[in-house]
């Protein structure tokens, strides 16, 4: 069971999600918002979107825990299927 999620980072000024990178090979290069032309670093953009990232992380955690719980219950049901002494609700 593999869980992946893509989080779109947004400009804290205008809310846009399109950025230009002057040097696509340099991870420390500044990013420029296409809409409002605000210049920011990648680390600062991640910090500015921390609330959204945390919310997405919590949702993903709930999905994973729910999936694991469902799989565990199904495994228990199958393991004790046909047993007259044990019943799993």
C-alpha atoms as a PDB file:
ATOM      1  CA  UNK A   1       0.000   0.000   0.000  1.00  0.00           C
ATOM      2  CA  UNK A   2       1.716   3.154  -1.199  1.00  0.00           C
ATOM      3  CA  UNK A   3       0.461   6.614  -0.370  1.00  0.00           C
ATOM      4  CA  UNK A   4       1.658   9.660  -2.260  1.00  0.00           C
ATOM      5  CA  UNK A   5       0.413  13.192  -2.285  1.00  0.00           C
ATOM      6  CA  UNK A   6       1.530  16.241  -4.223  1.00  0.00           C
ATOM      7  CA  UNK A   7       1.270  19.549  -2.422  1.00  0.00           C
ATOM      8  CA  UNK A   8       1.087  22.654  -4.580  1.00  0.00           C
ATOM      9  CA  UNK A   9       2.970  25.522  -2.983  1.00  0.00           C
ATOM     10  CA  UNK A  10       1.285  28.906  -3.239  1.00  0.00           C
ATOM     11  CA  UNK A  11       2.695  32.405  -3.290  1.00  0.00           C
ATOM     12  CA  UNK A  12       1.961  34.045   0.084  1.00  0.00           C
ATOM     13  CA  UNK A  13       1.281  37.383  -1.643  1.00  0.00           C
ATOM     14  CA  UNK A  14      -1.142  36.498  -4.447  1.00  0.00           C
ATOM     15  CA  UNK A  15      -1.916  32.788  -3.952  1.00  0.00           C
ATOM     16  CA  UNK A  16      -0.511  31.849  -7.353  1.00  0.00           C
ATOM     17  CA  UNK A  17       1.103  28.467  -7.817  1.00  0.00           C
ATOM     18  CA  UNK A  18       3.284  29.099 -10.884  1.00  0.00           C
ATOM     19  CA  UNK A  19       6.923  29.969 -10.267  1.00  0.00           C
ATOM     20  CA  UNK A  20       9.912  30.546 -12.505  1.00  0.00           C
ATOM     21  CA  UNK A  21      13.371  29.422 -11.527  1.00  0.00           C
ATOM     22  CA  UNK A  22      16.220  31.375 -13.124  1.00  0.00           C
ATOM     23  CA  UNK A  23      18.568  28.386 -12.884  1.00  0.00           C
ATOM     24  CA  UNK A  24      16.683  25.099 -12.918  1.00  0.00           C
ATOM     25  CA  UNK A  25      19.787  23.127 -11.849  1.00  0.00           C
ATOM     26  CA  UNK A  26      20.545  25.231  -8.764  1.00  0.00           C
ATOM     27  CA  UNK A  27      18.367  24.292  -5.726  1.00  0.00           C
ATOM     28  CA  UNK A  28      19.396  27.494  -3.916  1.00  0.00           C
ATOM     29  CA  UNK A  29      18.241  29.763  -6.761  1.00  0.00           C
ATOM     30  CA  UNK A  30      15.418  32.201  -6.105  1.00  0.00           C
ATOM     31  CA  UNK A  31      11.930  31.508  -7.378  1.00  0.00           C
ATOM     32  CA  UNK A  32       9.785  34.228  -8.914  1.00  0.00           C
ATOM     33  CA  UNK A  33       5.984  34.141  -8.828  1.00  0.00           C
ATOM     34  CA  UNK A  34       4.633  34.432 -12.365  1.00  0.00           C
ATOM     35  CA  UNK A  35       1.573  36.405 -11.210  1.00  0.00           C
ATOM     36  CA  UNK A  36       2.959  39.035  -8.832  1.00  0.00           C
ATOM     37  CA  UNK A  37       6.714  38.714  -9.532  1.00  0.00           C
ATOM     38  CA  UNK A  38       7.569  38.220  -5.859  1.00  0.00           C
ATOM     39  CA  UNK A  39      11.008  36.662  -5.458  1.00  0.00           C
ATOM     40  CA  UNK A  40      11.574  34.116  -2.701  1.00  0.00           C
ATOM     41  CA  UNK A  41      13.802  31.169  -1.886  1.00  0.00           C
ATOM     42  CA  UNK A  42      12.522  27.607  -1.998  1.00  0.00           C
ATOM     43  CA  UNK A  43      13.015  27.220   1.763  1.00  0.00           C
ATOM     44  CA  UNK A  44      11.074  30.428   2.465  1.00  0.00           C
ATOM     45  CA  UNK A  45       8.251  29.274   0.175  1.00  0.00           C
ATOM     46  CA  UNK A  46       8.058  25.989   2.085  1.00  0.00           C
ATOM     47  CA  UNK A  47       7.990  27.912   5.390  1.00  0.00           C
ATOM     48  CA  UNK A  48       5.233  30.172   4.046  1.00  0.00           C
ATOM     49  CA  UNK A  49       3.174  27.094   3.129  1.00  0.00           C
ATOM     50  CA  UNK A  50       3.837  25.250   6.407  1.00  0.00           C
ATOM     51  CA  UNK A  51       0.175  25.335   7.496  1.00  0.00           C
ATOM     52  CA  UNK A  52      -1.017  23.760   4.247  1.00  0.00           C
ATOM     53  CA  UNK A  53       1.776  21.168   4.360  1.00  0.00           C
ATOM     54  CA  UNK A  54       0.886  20.245   7.956  1.00  0.00           C
ATOM     55  CA  UNK A  55      -2.814  19.911   7.055  1.00  0.00           C
ATOM     56  CA  UNK A  56      -1.989  17.616   4.120  1.00  0.00           C
ATOM     57  CA  UNK A  57       0.325  15.569   6.350  1.00  0.00           C
ATOM     58  CA  UNK A  58      -2.453  15.083   8.927  1.00  0.00           C
ATOM     59  CA  UNK A  59      -4.935  14.002   6.226  1.00  0.00           C
ATOM     60  CA  UNK A  60      -2.454  11.524   4.807  1.00  0.00           C
ATOM     61  CA  UNK A  61      -1.733  10.144   8.281  1.00  0.00           C
ATOM     62  CA  UNK A  62      -5.455   9.604   8.872  1.00  0.00           C
ATOM     63  CA  UNK A  63      -5.787   7.812   5.515  1.00  0.00           C
ATOM     64  CA  UNK A  64      -2.843   5.523   6.285  1.00  0.00           C
ATOM     65  CA  UNK A  65      -4.071   4.700   9.800  1.00  0.00           C
ATOM     66  CA  UNK A  66      -7.584   4.031   8.498  1.00  0.00           C
ATOM     67  CA  UNK A  67      -6.223   1.759   5.764  1.00  0.00           C
ATOM     68  CA  UNK A  68      -4.031  -0.133   8.208  1.00  0.00           C
ATOM     69  CA  UNK A  69      -6.949  -0.601  10.590  1.00  0.00           C
ATOM     70  CA  UNK A  70      -9.134  -1.937   7.778  1.00  0.00           C
ATOM     71  CA  UNK A  71      -6.406  -4.321   6.597  1.00  0.00           C
ATOM     72  CA  UNK A  72      -5.754  -5.555  10.140  1.00  0.00           C
ATOM     73  CA  UNK A  73      -9.456  -6.217  10.744  1.00  0.00           C
ATOM     74  CA  UNK A  74      -9.732  -8.101   7.452  1.00  0.00           C
ATOM     75  CA  UNK A  75      -6.665 -10.170   8.325  1.00  0.00           C
ATOM     76  CA  UNK A  76      -8.131 -11.077  11.720  1.00  0.00           C
ATOM     77  CA  UNK A  77     -11.477 -12.013  10.204  1.00  0.00           C
ATOM     78  CA  UNK A  78      -9.793 -14.271   7.655  1.00  0.00           C
ATOM     79  CA  UNK A  79      -7.501 -15.841  10.263  1.00  0.00           C
ATOM     80  CA  UNK A  80     -10.361 -16.815  12.562  1.00  0.00           C
ATOM     81  CA  UNK A  81     -12.978 -17.558   9.896  1.00  0.00           C
ATOM     82  CA  UNK A  82     -14.814 -20.744  10.741  1.00  0.00           C
ATOM     83  CA  UNK A  83     -13.856 -20.647  14.411  1.00  0.00           C
ATOM     84  CA  UNK A  84     -16.842 -21.411  16.609  1.00  0.00           C
ATOM     85  CA  UNK A  85     -15.210 -20.091  19.790  1.00  0.00           C
ATOM     86  CA  UNK A  86     -14.101 -16.646  18.577  1.00  0.00           C
ATOM     87  CA  UNK A  87     -16.141 -13.926  16.957  1.00  0.00           C
ATOM     88  CA  UNK A  88     -14.682 -10.636  15.783  1.00  0.00           C
ATOM     89  CA  UNK A  89     -16.976  -7.656  15.563  1.00  0.00           C
END
